[in-house]
Amino acid sequence: MSAVTSQILVDESKKIGQQSAGQTLKAIARAYPGKLFFTLSLVALENALLLAYPLFAGFAVDSIIRGDTGSALVYAVVVLAFWVVGAARRAVDTRTFTRIYTDLAVPVILNQRLLNQDTSTAAARVVLAREFVDFFEKHIPTIATALVSIVGAAAMLALIEPWIGLACLLALILCCALLPRFARRNQALHERLNDRLEKEIGMVARVGAASLQRHYRVLSRLRIRLSDREAVAYLFLGTVAAALFVVAISQLALSPAVKAGHVYAVMTYLWTFVSSLDEAPTMVDQLARLRDIGKRVDPGL
């Protein structure tokens, strides 16, 4: 760690006792502003290209129908740019976040010693601390992509097909109204799951077969309940998606002299919207899990 980064971590540790997840994430962002800005800028550029691609695809379809191959080939350039940026982002973020976790693990261990935690709990919390780094490495790009895709696709649909855009807006409002309750219940399940995981190493060393079987059965039931809740949410969103496609197909069928490129753009933007909305339960579950981890792990940042 650099001297500047070390001083930031020391200053934060003076301000914060038992941190929340939000405070820990802010401390990490404050300690590594340059690395995170560069990595997340690549995420933003990748999302911008992703949002633009259906328009270029629709333009390419119409150009092909007109026999204008040269204009249609612009789409191939956009596709190449998207994959080049995506490859750069994946190469950069692994280097960035591996180094951040290396800096984070040691303060977590030392802080757990100061709190006189037993070895089982301390070891579990070092593993859990990785979730904060994963949030920046995996979840922020996913959340950013989902948000850009949802908002951007809905906005583009509102411009090119207002009624379909309105239907997407109503679906989004409905999902946002249901998500807080989903998050609260998932956080309660993650609290019970993490309580068990913190005791696991100690149980492996001390208890008998019957207690171990009971422990792993409880873990299994908790994970199944979380999975079932995700499956129900997935089915609900699938029903919403089907209803939106009914609206879209009905509207496009009523449009006089609709062009093939326009149909392709509308259907692609709508698919982008519903497939990104499908990420919402998983992301809410990850945030609920992170909130519980934030109550347990104080890395001393």
C-alpha atoms as a PDB file:
ATOM      1  CA  MET A   1       0.000   0.000   0.000  1.00  0.00           C
ATOM      2  CA  SER A   2       1.194   3.537  -0.706  1.00  0.00           C
ATOM      3  CA  ALA A   3       1.792   6.031   2.108  1.00  0.00           C
ATOM      4  CA  VAL A   4      -1.257   8.059   1.020  1.00  0.00           C
ATOM      5  CA  THR A   5      -3.505   5.004   1.008  1.00  0.00           C
ATOM      6  CA  SER A   6      -2.199   3.912   4.410  1.00  0.00           C
ATOM      7  CA  GLN A   7      -2.925   7.350   5.866  1.00  0.00           C
ATOM      8  CA  ILE A   8      -6.467   7.267   4.482  1.00  0.00           C
ATOM      9  CA  LEU A   9      -7.059   3.870   6.093  1.00  0.00           C
ATOM     10  CA  VAL A  10      -5.681   5.110   9.408  1.00  0.00           C
ATOM     11  CA  ASP A  11      -7.863   8.227   9.302  1.00  0.00           C
ATOM     12  CA  GLU A  12     -10.940   6.171   8.539  1.00  0.00           C
ATOM     13  CA  SER A  13     -10.216   3.746  11.361  1.00  0.00           C
ATOM     14  CA  LYS A  14     -10.156   6.677  13.794  1.00  0.00           C
ATOM     15  CA  LYS A  15     -13.563   7.845  12.632  1.00  0.00           C
ATOM     16  CA  ILE A  16     -15.369   4.521  12.448  1.00  0.00           C
ATOM     17  CA  GLY A  17     -15.896   1.780  14.980  1.00  0.00           C
ATOM     18  CA  GLN A  18     -18.169  -1.004  13.833  1.00  0.00           C
ATOM     19  CA  GLN A  19     -18.854   0.026  10.261  1.00  0.00           C
ATOM     20  CA  SER A  20     -21.920  -0.466   8.143  1.00  0.00           C
ATOM     21  CA  ALA A  21     -21.553  -1.947   4.679  1.00  0.00           C
ATOM     22  CA  GLY A  22     -22.032   1.503   3.166  1.00  0.00           C
ATOM     23  CA  GLN A  23     -19.270   3.014   5.293  1.00  0.00           C
ATOM     24  CA  THR A  24     -16.864   0.226   4.365  1.00  0.00           C
ATOM     25  CA  LEU A  25     -17.604   0.628   0.657  1.00  0.00           C
ATOM     26  CA  LYS A  26     -17.091   4.400   0.921  1.00  0.00           C
ATOM     27  CA  ALA A  27     -13.784   3.861   2.716  1.00  0.00           C
ATOM     28  CA  ILE A  28     -12.573   1.501  -0.024  1.00  0.00           C
ATOM     29  CA  ALA A  29     -13.636   4.012  -2.688  1.00  0.00           C
ATOM     30  CA  ARG A  30     -11.787   6.782  -0.837  1.00  0.00           C
ATOM     31  CA  ALA A  31      -8.641   4.687  -0.501  1.00  0.00           C
ATOM     32  CA  TYR A  32      -8.470   3.730  -4.195  1.00  0.00           C
ATOM     33  CA  PRO A  33     -10.087   6.595  -6.176  1.00  0.00           C
ATOM     34  CA  GLY A  34      -7.836   6.421  -9.250  1.00  0.00           C
ATOM     35  CA  LYS A  35      -7.988   2.656  -9.766  1.00  0.00           C
ATOM     36  CA  LEU A  36     -11.747   2.521  -9.241  1.00  0.00           C
ATOM     37  CA  PHE A  37     -12.399   5.526 -11.499  1.00  0.00           C
ATOM     38  CA  PHE A  38     -10.427   4.006 -14.372  1.00  0.00           C
ATOM     39  CA  THR A  39     -12.056   0.587 -14.013  1.00  0.00           C
ATOM     40  CA  LEU A  40     -15.584   1.971 -13.677  1.00  0.00           C
ATOM     41  CA  SER A  41     -15.017   4.320 -16.632  1.00  0.00           C
ATOM     42  CA  LEU A  42     -14.473   1.233 -18.778  1.00  0.00           C
ATOM     43  CA  VAL A  43     -17.728  -0.173 -17.370  1.00  0.00           C
ATOM     44  CA  ALA A  44     -19.543   3.044 -18.357  1.00  0.00           C
ATOM     45  CA  LEU A  45     -18.104   2.981 -21.880  1.00  0.00           C
ATOM     46  CA  GLU A  46     -19.051  -0.674 -22.295  1.00  0.00           C
ATOM     47  CA  ASN A  47     -22.622   0.137 -21.237  1.00  0.00           C
ATOM     48  CA  ALA A  48     -22.858   3.089 -23.619  1.00  0.00           C
ATOM     49  CA  LEU A  49     -21.868   0.864 -26.541  1.00  0.00           C
ATOM     50  CA  LEU A  50     -24.327  -1.803 -25.378  1.00  0.00           C
ATOM     51  CA  LEU A  51     -27.156   0.730 -25.327  1.00  0.00           C
ATOM     52  CA  ALA A  52     -26.294   2.071 -28.780  1.00  0.00           C
ATOM     53  CA  TYR A  53     -26.020  -1.272 -30.520  1.00  0.00           C
ATOM     54  CA  PRO A  54     -29.763  -1.913 -31.247  1.00  0.00           C
ATOM     55  CA  LEU A  55     -29.980   1.402 -33.127  1.00  0.00           C
ATOM     56  CA  PHE A  56     -26.972   0.480 -35.254  1.00  0.00           C
ATOM     57  CA  ALA A  57     -28.408  -3.020 -35.748  1.00  0.00           C
ATOM     58  CA  GLY A  58     -31.735  -1.589 -36.966  1.00  0.00           C
ATOM     59  CA  PHE A  59     -29.836   0.774 -39.276  1.00  0.00           C
ATOM     60  CA  ALA A  60     -27.824  -2.191 -40.599  1.00  0.00           C
ATOM     61  CA  VAL A  61     -30.999  -4.198 -41.300  1.00  0.00           C
ATOM     62  CA  ASP A  62     -32.505  -1.357 -43.339  1.00  0.00           C
ATOM     63  CA  SER A  63     -29.194  -0.803 -45.166  1.00  0.00           C
ATOM     64  CA  ILE A  64     -28.999  -4.494 -46.101  1.00  0.00           C
ATOM     65  CA  ILE A  65     -32.558  -4.413 -47.456  1.00  0.00           C
ATOM     66  CA  ARG A  66     -31.612  -1.355 -49.558  1.00  0.00           C
ATOM     67  CA  GLY A  67     -28.480  -3.134 -50.783  1.00  0.00           C
ATOM     68  CA  ASP A  68     -26.168  -0.598 -49.097  1.00  0.00           C
ATOM     69  CA  THR A  69     -23.569  -3.021 -47.741  1.00  0.00           C
ATOM     70  CA  GLY A  70     -21.015  -0.334 -46.901  1.00  0.00           C
ATOM     71  CA  SER A  71     -23.333   1.467 -44.489  1.00  0.00           C
ATOM     72  CA  ALA A  72     -24.409  -1.832 -42.918  1.00  0.00           C
ATOM     73  CA  LEU A  73     -20.789  -2.684 -42.108  1.00  0.00           C
ATOM     74  CA  VAL A  74     -20.709   0.165 -39.552  1.00  0.00           C
ATOM     75  CA  TYR A  75     -22.533  -2.274 -37.270  1.00  0.00           C
ATOM     76  CA  ALA A  76     -19.548  -4.640 -37.333  1.00  0.00           C
ATOM     77  CA  VAL A  77     -17.316  -1.784 -36.122  1.00  0.00           C
ATOM     78  CA  VAL A  78     -19.661  -1.125 -33.185  1.00  0.00           C
ATOM     79  CA  VAL A  79     -19.657  -4.842 -32.310  1.00  0.00           C
ATOM     80  CA  LEU A  80     -15.834  -4.955 -32.392  1.00  0.00           C
ATOM     81  CA  ALA A  81     -15.593  -1.819 -30.219  1.00  0.00           C
ATOM     82  CA  PHE A  82     -17.929  -3.360 -27.644  1.00  0.00           C
ATOM     83  CA  TRP A  83     -15.806  -6.514 -27.356  1.00  0.00           C
ATOM     84  CA  VAL A  84     -12.501  -4.590 -27.261  1.00  0.00           C
ATOM     85  CA  VAL A  85     -13.726  -2.413 -24.382  1.00  0.00           C
ATOM     86  CA  GLY A  86     -15.157  -5.475 -22.614  1.00  0.00           C
ATOM     87  CA  ALA A  87     -11.840  -7.329 -22.894  1.00  0.00           C
ATOM     88  CA  ALA A  88      -9.931  -4.329 -21.539  1.00  0.00           C
ATOM     89  CA  ARG A  89     -12.336  -3.981 -18.627  1.00  0.00           C
ATOM     90  CA  ARG A  90     -11.975  -7.647 -17.664  1.00  0.00           C
ATOM     91  CA  ALA A  91      -8.178  -7.477 -17.791  1.00  0.00           C
ATOM     92  CA  VAL A  92      -8.011  -4.297 -15.730  1.00  0.00           C
ATOM     93  CA  ASP A  93     -10.561  -5.146 -13.036  1.00  0.00           C
ATOM     94  CA  THR A  94      -8.880  -8.437 -12.046  1.00  0.00           C
ATOM     95  CA  ARG A  95      -5.594  -6.636 -11.416  1.00  0.00           C
ATOM     96  CA  THR A  96      -7.279  -3.788  -9.552  1.00  0.00           C
ATOM     97  CA  PHE A  97      -9.491  -5.806  -7.236  1.00  0.00           C
ATOM     98  CA  THR A  98      -6.982  -8.551  -6.446  1.00  0.00           C
ATOM     99  CA  ARG A  99      -4.649  -5.858  -5.119  1.00  0.00           C
ATOM    100  CA  ILE A 100      -7.432  -4.199  -3.141  1.00  0.00           C
ATOM    101  CA  TYR A 101      -8.346  -7.490  -1.438  1.00  0.00           C
ATOM    102  CA  THR A 102      -4.692  -8.102  -0.575  1.00  0.00           C
ATOM    103  CA  ASP A 103      -4.666  -4.730   1.230  1.00  0.00           C
ATOM    104  CA  LEU A 104      -8.048  -5.401   2.872  1.00  0.00           C
ATOM    105  CA  ALA A 105      -7.460  -8.907   4.301  1.00  0.00           C
ATOM    106  CA  VAL A 106      -4.701  -7.978   6.772  1.00  0.00           C
ATOM    107  CA  PRO A 107      -6.613  -5.120   8.509  1.00  0.00           C
ATOM    108  CA  VAL A 108      -9.634  -7.425   8.846  1.00  0.00           C
ATOM    109  CA  ILE A 109      -7.551 -10.095  10.593  1.00  0.00           C
ATOM    110  CA  LEU A 110      -5.877  -7.589  12.922  1.00  0.00           C
ATOM    111  CA  ASN A 111      -9.198  -5.957  13.759  1.00  0.00           C
ATOM    112  CA  GLN A 112     -10.770  -9.310  14.610  1.00  0.00           C
ATOM    113  CA  ARG A 113      -7.849  -9.980  16.970  1.00  0.00           C
ATOM    114  CA  LEU A 114      -8.423  -6.642  18.693  1.00  0.00           C
ATOM    115  CA  LEU A 115     -12.071  -7.616  19.150  1.00  0.00           C
ATOM    116  CA  ASN A 116     -10.935 -10.938  20.693  1.00  0.00           C
ATOM    117  CA  GLN A 117     -12.905 -13.009  18.179  1.00  0.00           C
ATOM    118  CA  ASP A 118     -12.237 -16.732  18.115  1.00  0.00           C
ATOM    119  CA  THR A 119     -10.363 -18.251  15.187  1.00  0.00           C
ATOM    120  CA  SER A 120     -13.500 -19.704  13.592  1.00  0.00           C
ATOM    121  CA  THR A 121     -15.302 -16.357  13.523  1.00  0.00           C
ATOM    122  CA  ALA A 122     -12.203 -14.427  12.419  1.00  0.00           C
ATOM    123  CA  ALA A 123     -11.503 -16.848   9.540  1.00  0.00           C
ATOM    124  CA  ALA A 124     -15.116 -16.680   8.376  1.00  0.00           C
ATOM    125  CA  ARG A 125     -15.080 -12.888   8.456  1.00  0.00           C
ATOM    126  CA  VAL A 126     -11.890 -12.682   6.398  1.00  0.00           C
ATOM    127  CA  VAL A 127     -13.689 -14.710   3.726  1.00  0.00           C
ATOM    128  CA  LEU A 128     -16.773 -12.515   4.056  1.00  0.00           C
ATOM    129  CA  ALA A 129     -14.623  -9.390   3.654  1.00  0.00           C
ATOM    130  CA  ARG A 130     -13.978 -10.513   0.096  1.00  0.00           C
ATOM    131  CA  GLU A 131     -17.620  -9.607  -0.599  1.00  0.00           C
ATOM    132  CA  PHE A 132     -16.783  -5.908  -0.366  1.00  0.00           C
ATOM    133  CA  VAL A 133     -14.182  -6.250  -3.102  1.00  0.00           C
ATOM    134  CA  ASP A 134     -16.528  -8.457  -5.141  1.00  0.00           C
ATOM    135  CA  PHE A 135     -19.119  -5.705  -4.901  1.00  0.00           C
ATOM    136  CA  PHE A 136     -16.845  -3.343  -6.837  1.00  0.00           C
ATOM    137  CA  GLU A 137     -15.461  -6.019  -9.161  1.00  0.00           C
ATOM    138  CA  LYS A 138     -18.625  -7.932 -10.036  1.00  0.00           C
ATOM    139  CA  HIS A 139     -21.753  -6.337  -8.674  1.00  0.00           C
ATOM    140  CA  ILE A 140     -21.199  -2.669  -9.561  1.00  0.00           C
ATOM    141  CA  PRO A 141     -20.606  -3.515 -13.264  1.00  0.00           C
ATOM    142  CA  THR A 142     -23.699  -5.749 -13.230  1.00  0.00           C
ATOM    143  CA  ILE A 143     -25.806  -3.145 -11.430  1.00  0.00           C
ATOM    144  CA  ALA A 144     -24.524  -0.387 -13.725  1.00  0.00           C
ATOM    145  CA  THR A 145     -25.256  -2.451 -16.830  1.00  0.00           C
ATOM    146  CA  ALA A 146     -28.726  -3.338 -15.568  1.00  0.00           C
ATOM    147  CA  LEU A 147     -29.591   0.260 -14.643  1.00  0.00           C
ATOM    148  CA  VAL A 148     -28.285   1.700 -17.909  1.00  0.00           C
ATOM    149  CA  SER A 149     -30.063  -1.008 -19.887  1.00  0.00           C
ATOM    150  CA  ILE A 150     -33.361  -0.631 -18.011  1.00  0.00           C
ATOM    151  CA  VAL A 151     -33.489   3.167 -18.035  1.00  0.00           C
ATOM    152  CA  GLY A 152     -31.874   3.540 -21.460  1.00  0.00           C
ATOM    153  CA  ALA A 153     -34.031   0.913 -23.152  1.00  0.00           C
ATOM    154  CA  ALA A 154     -37.216   2.341 -21.609  1.00  0.00           C
ATOM    155  CA  ALA A 155     -36.220   5.851 -22.729  1.00  0.00           C
ATOM    156  CA  MET A 156     -35.453   4.700 -26.279  1.00  0.00           C
ATOM    157  CA  LEU A 157     -38.741   2.810 -26.451  1.00  0.00           C
ATOM    158  CA  ALA A 158     -40.587   5.912 -25.208  1.00  0.00           C
ATOM    159  CA  LEU A 159     -39.038   7.860 -28.083  1.00  0.00           C
ATOM    160  CA  ILE A 160     -39.678   5.387 -30.887  1.00  0.00           C
ATOM    161  CA  GLU A 161     -42.844   3.651 -29.539  1.00  0.00           C
ATOM    162  CA  PRO A 162     -44.427   5.746 -26.712  1.00  0.00           C
ATOM    163  CA  TRP A 163     -47.076   3.209 -25.653  1.00  0.00           C
ATOM    164  CA  ILE A 164     -44.520   0.443 -25.309  1.00  0.00           C
ATOM    165  CA  GLY A 165     -42.276   2.813 -23.356  1.00  0.00           C
ATOM    166  CA  LEU A 166     -45.179   3.638 -21.018  1.00  0.00           C
ATOM    167  CA  ALA A 167     -45.870  -0.060 -20.455  1.00  0.00           C
ATOM    168  CA  CYS A 168     -42.201  -0.554 -19.503  1.00  0.00           C
ATOM    169  CA  LEU A 169     -42.391   2.358 -17.064  1.00  0.00           C
ATOM    170  CA  LEU A 170     -45.441   0.847 -15.340  1.00  0.00           C
ATOM    171  CA  ALA A 171     -43.704  -2.531 -15.091  1.00  0.00           C
ATOM    172  CA  LEU A 172     -40.656  -0.842 -13.567  1.00  0.00           C
ATOM    173  CA  ILE A 173     -42.786   0.978 -10.954  1.00  0.00           C
ATOM    174  CA  LEU A 174     -44.476  -2.306  -9.992  1.00  0.00           C
ATOM    175  CA  CYS A 175     -41.131  -4.086  -9.544  1.00  0.00           C
ATOM    176  CA  CYS A 176     -39.659  -1.219  -7.508  1.00  0.00           C
ATOM    177  CA  ALA A 177     -42.656  -1.356  -5.173  1.00  0.00           C
ATOM    178  CA  LEU A 178     -42.108  -5.067  -4.487  1.00  0.00           C
ATOM    179  CA  LEU A 179     -38.312  -5.080  -4.097  1.00  0.00           C
ATOM    180  CA  PRO A 180     -37.994  -3.618  -0.534  1.00  0.00           C
ATOM    181  CA  ARG A 181     -40.024  -6.442   1.019  1.00  0.00           C
ATOM    182  CA  PHE A 182     -38.025  -8.987  -0.996  1.00  0.00           C
ATOM    183  CA  ALA A 183     -34.778  -7.429   0.287  1.00  0.00           C
ATOM    184  CA  ARG A 184     -35.844  -7.436   3.957  1.00  0.00           C
ATOM    185  CA  ARG A 185     -36.773 -11.103   3.929  1.00  0.00           C
ATOM    186  CA  ASN A 186     -33.581 -12.100   2.121  1.00  0.00           C
ATOM    187  CA  GLN A 187     -31.441 -10.159   4.585  1.00  0.00           C
ATOM    188  CA  ALA A 188     -33.051 -12.042   7.478  1.00  0.00           C
ATOM    189  CA  LEU A 189     -32.209 -15.348   5.780  1.00  0.00           C
ATOM    190  CA  HIS A 190     -28.623 -14.239   5.121  1.00  0.00           C
ATOM    191  CA  GLU A 191     -28.242 -13.292   8.788  1.00  0.00           C
ATOM    192  CA  ARG A 192     -29.181 -16.827   9.830  1.00  0.00           C
ATOM    193  CA  LEU A 193     -26.927 -18.332   7.145  1.00  0.00           C
ATOM    194  CA  ASN A 194     -23.900 -16.230   8.109  1.00  0.00           C
ATOM    195  CA  ASP A 195     -24.452 -16.964  11.819  1.00  0.00           C
ATOM    196  CA  ARG A 196     -24.016 -20.623  10.956  1.00  0.00           C
ATOM    197  CA  LEU A 197     -21.006 -20.082   8.687  1.00  0.00           C
ATOM    198  CA  GLU A 198     -19.144 -18.177  11.408  1.00  0.00           C
ATOM    199  CA  LYS A 199     -19.376 -21.230  13.683  1.00  0.00           C
ATOM    200  CA  GLU A 200     -18.462 -23.779  11.029  1.00  0.00           C
ATOM    201  CA  ILE A 201     -14.695 -24.040  11.542  1.00  0.00           C
ATOM    202  CA  GLY A 202     -15.112 -24.499  15.286  1.00  0.00           C
ATOM    203  CA  MET A 203     -17.775 -27.159  14.764  1.00  0.00           C
ATOM    204  CA  VAL A 204     -15.539 -29.093  12.377  1.00  0.00           C
ATOM    205  CA  ALA A 205     -12.902 -29.295  15.105  1.00  0.00           C
ATOM    206  CA  ARG A 206     -15.154 -30.131  18.065  1.00  0.00           C
ATOM    207  CA  VAL A 207     -18.620 -31.595  17.482  1.00  0.00           C
ATOM    208  CA  GLY A 208     -19.773 -35.074  16.490  1.00  0.00           C
ATOM    209  CA  ALA A 209     -21.428 -36.449  13.365  1.00  0.00           C
ATOM    210  CA  ALA A 210     -25.016 -35.788  14.515  1.00  0.00           C
ATOM    211  CA  SER A 211     -24.331 -32.104  15.217  1.00  0.00           C
ATOM    212  CA  LEU A 212     -22.477 -31.700  11.938  1.00  0.00           C
ATOM    213  CA  GLN A 213     -25.328 -33.281   9.990  1.00  0.00           C
ATOM    214  CA  ARG A 214     -27.806 -30.974  11.711  1.00  0.00           C
ATOM    215  CA  HIS A 215     -25.594 -27.957  10.930  1.00  0.00           C
ATOM    216  CA  TYR A 216     -25.318 -28.769   7.214  1.00  0.00           C
ATOM    217  CA  ARG A 217     -29.024 -29.589   6.954  1.00  0.00           C
ATOM    218  CA  VAL A 218     -29.844 -26.128   8.318  1.00  0.00           C
ATOM    219  CA  LEU A 219     -27.408 -24.543   5.861  1.00  0.00           C
ATOM    220  CA  SER A 220     -29.030 -26.506   3.054  1.00  0.00           C
ATOM    221  CA  ARG A 221     -32.548 -25.397   4.045  1.00  0.00           C
ATOM    222  CA  LEU A 222     -31.529 -21.738   4.237  1.00  0.00           C
ATOM    223  CA  ARG A 223     -29.868 -21.840   0.825  1.00  0.00           C
ATOM    224  CA  ILE A 224     -32.880 -23.610  -0.682  1.00  0.00           C
ATOM    225  CA  ARG A 225     -35.202 -20.949   0.729  1.00  0.00           C
ATOM    226  CA  LEU A 226     -33.074 -18.203  -0.800  1.00  0.00           C
ATOM    227  CA  SER A 227     -33.017 -20.070  -4.117  1.00  0.00           C
ATOM    228  CA  ASP A 228     -36.800 -20.604  -4.037  1.00  0.00           C
ATOM    229  CA  ARG A 229     -37.387 -16.906  -3.461  1.00  0.00           C
ATOM    230  CA  GLU A 230     -35.177 -16.093  -6.434  1.00  0.00           C
ATOM    231  CA  ALA A 231     -37.079 -18.634  -8.561  1.00  0.00           C
ATOM    232  CA  VAL A 232     -40.456 -17.094  -7.639  1.00  0.00           C
ATOM    233  CA  ALA A 233     -39.135 -13.624  -8.487  1.00  0.00           C
ATOM    234  CA  TYR A 234     -37.797 -14.967 -11.790  1.00  0.00           C
ATOM    235  CA  LEU A 235     -41.199 -16.435 -12.673  1.00  0.00           C
ATOM    236  CA  PHE A 236     -42.954 -13.179 -11.783  1.00  0.00           C
ATOM    237  CA  LEU A 237     -40.605 -11.179 -14.012  1.00  0.00           C
ATOM    238  CA  GLY A 238     -41.100 -13.703 -16.809  1.00  0.00           C
ATOM    239  CA  THR A 239     -44.855 -13.076 -16.630  1.00  0.00           C
ATOM    240  CA  VAL A 240     -44.260  -9.318 -16.761  1.00  0.00           C
ATOM    241  CA  ALA A 241     -41.923  -9.781 -19.742  1.00  0.00           C
ATOM    242  CA  ALA A 242     -44.507 -11.844 -21.649  1.00  0.00           C
ATOM    243  CA  ALA A 243     -47.154  -9.161 -21.034  1.00  0.00           C
ATOM    244  CA  LEU A 244     -44.798  -6.459 -22.351  1.00  0.00           C
ATOM    245  CA  PHE A 245     -44.146  -8.441 -25.526  1.00  0.00           C
ATOM    246  CA  VAL A 246     -47.907  -8.797 -26.023  1.00  0.00           C
ATOM    247  CA  VAL A 247     -48.196  -4.997 -25.861  1.00  0.00           C
ATOM    248  CA  ALA A 248     -45.242  -4.529 -28.226  1.00  0.00           C
ATOM    249  CA  ILE A 249     -46.409  -7.018 -30.836  1.00  0.00           C
ATOM    250  CA  SER A 250     -49.942  -5.578 -30.753  1.00  0.00           C
ATOM    251  CA  GLN A 251     -48.641  -2.024 -31.228  1.00  0.00           C
ATOM    252  CA  LEU A 252     -46.245  -2.928 -34.032  1.00  0.00           C
ATOM    253  CA  ALA A 253     -48.940  -4.939 -35.841  1.00  0.00           C
ATOM    254  CA  LEU A 254     -51.167  -1.845 -35.880  1.00  0.00           C
ATOM    255  CA  SER A 255     -48.417   0.438 -37.272  1.00  0.00           C
ATOM    256  CA  PRO A 256     -48.802   1.156 -41.004  1.00  0.00           C
ATOM    257  CA  ALA A 257     -45.787   0.500 -43.237  1.00  0.00           C
ATOM    258  CA  VAL A 258     -43.517  -0.436 -40.345  1.00  0.00           C
ATOM    259  CA  LYS A 259     -39.894  -1.034 -41.389  1.00  0.00           C
ATOM    260  CA  ALA A 260     -37.975  -4.204 -40.580  1.00  0.00           C
ATOM    261  CA  GLY A 261     -35.183  -2.237 -38.904  1.00  0.00           C
ATOM    262  CA  HIS A 262     -37.712  -0.451 -36.685  1.00  0.00           C
ATOM    263  CA  VAL A 263     -39.260  -3.751 -35.599  1.00  0.00           C
ATOM    264  CA  TYR A 264     -35.818  -5.173 -34.853  1.00  0.00           C
ATOM    265  CA  ALA A 265     -34.820  -2.114 -32.785  1.00  0.00           C
ATOM    266  CA  VAL A 266     -38.068  -2.166 -30.763  1.00  0.00           C
ATOM    267  CA  MET A 267     -37.893  -5.886 -30.034  1.00  0.00           C
ATOM    268  CA  THR A 268     -34.203  -5.678 -29.143  1.00  0.00           C
ATOM    269  CA  TYR A 269     -34.682  -2.724 -26.798  1.00  0.00           C
ATOM    270  CA  LEU A 270     -37.616  -4.509 -25.169  1.00  0.00           C
ATOM    271  CA  TRP A 271     -35.580  -7.686 -24.744  1.00  0.00           C
ATOM    272  CA  THR A 272     -32.744  -5.585 -23.257  1.00  0.00           C
ATOM    273  CA  PHE A 273     -35.241  -4.058 -20.811  1.00  0.00           C
ATOM    274  CA  VAL A 274     -36.752  -7.333 -19.593  1.00  0.00           C
ATOM    275  CA  SER A 275     -33.460  -9.265 -19.465  1.00  0.00           C
ATOM    276  CA  SER A 276     -31.905  -6.464 -17.382  1.00  0.00           C
ATOM    277  CA  LEU A 277     -34.963  -6.263 -15.131  1.00  0.00           C
ATOM    278  CA  ASP A 278     -34.413  -9.968 -14.547  1.00  0.00           C
ATOM    279  CA  GLU A 279     -31.138  -9.077 -12.769  1.00  0.00           C
ATOM    280  CA  ALA A 280     -32.989  -7.098 -10.076  1.00  0.00           C
ATOM    281  CA  PRO A 281     -33.746  -9.963  -7.632  1.00  0.00           C
ATOM    282  CA  THR A 282     -30.148 -11.220  -7.763  1.00  0.00           C
ATOM    283  CA  MET A 283     -28.744  -7.733  -7.203  1.00  0.00           C
ATOM    284  CA  VAL A 284     -31.142  -7.000  -4.345  1.00  0.00           C
ATOM    285  CA  ASP A 285     -30.178 -10.322  -2.775  1.00  0.00           C
ATOM    286  CA  GLN A 286     -26.476  -9.437  -3.047  1.00  0.00           C
ATOM    287  CA  LEU A 287     -27.080  -6.050  -1.425  1.00  0.00           C
ATOM    288  CA  ALA A 288     -29.066  -7.686   1.390  1.00  0.00           C
ATOM    289  CA  ARG A 289     -26.191 -10.118   1.945  1.00  0.00           C
ATOM    290  CA  LEU A 290     -23.683  -7.277   1.942  1.00  0.00           C
ATOM    291  CA  ARG A 291     -25.679  -5.332   4.542  1.00  0.00           C
ATOM    292  CA  ASP A 292     -25.507  -8.293   6.894  1.00  0.00           C
ATOM    293  CA  ILE A 293     -21.776  -8.735   6.254  1.00  0.00           C
ATOM    294  CA  GLY A 294     -21.282  -5.040   7.015  1.00  0.00           C
ATOM    295  CA  LYS A 295     -22.613  -5.632  10.535  1.00  0.00           C
ATOM    296  CA  ARG A 296     -20.068  -8.402  11.115  1.00  0.00           C
ATOM    297  CA  VAL A 297     -16.887  -7.281   9.378  1.00  0.00           C
ATOM    298  CA  ASP A 298     -15.060  -4.100  10.375  1.00  0.00           C
ATOM    299  CA  PRO A 299     -11.852  -4.010   8.319  1.00  0.00           C
ATOM    300  CA  GLY A 300     -10.667  -0.950  10.187  1.00  0.00           C
ATOM    301  CA  LEU A 301     -10.778   1.239   7.098  1.00  0.00           C
END
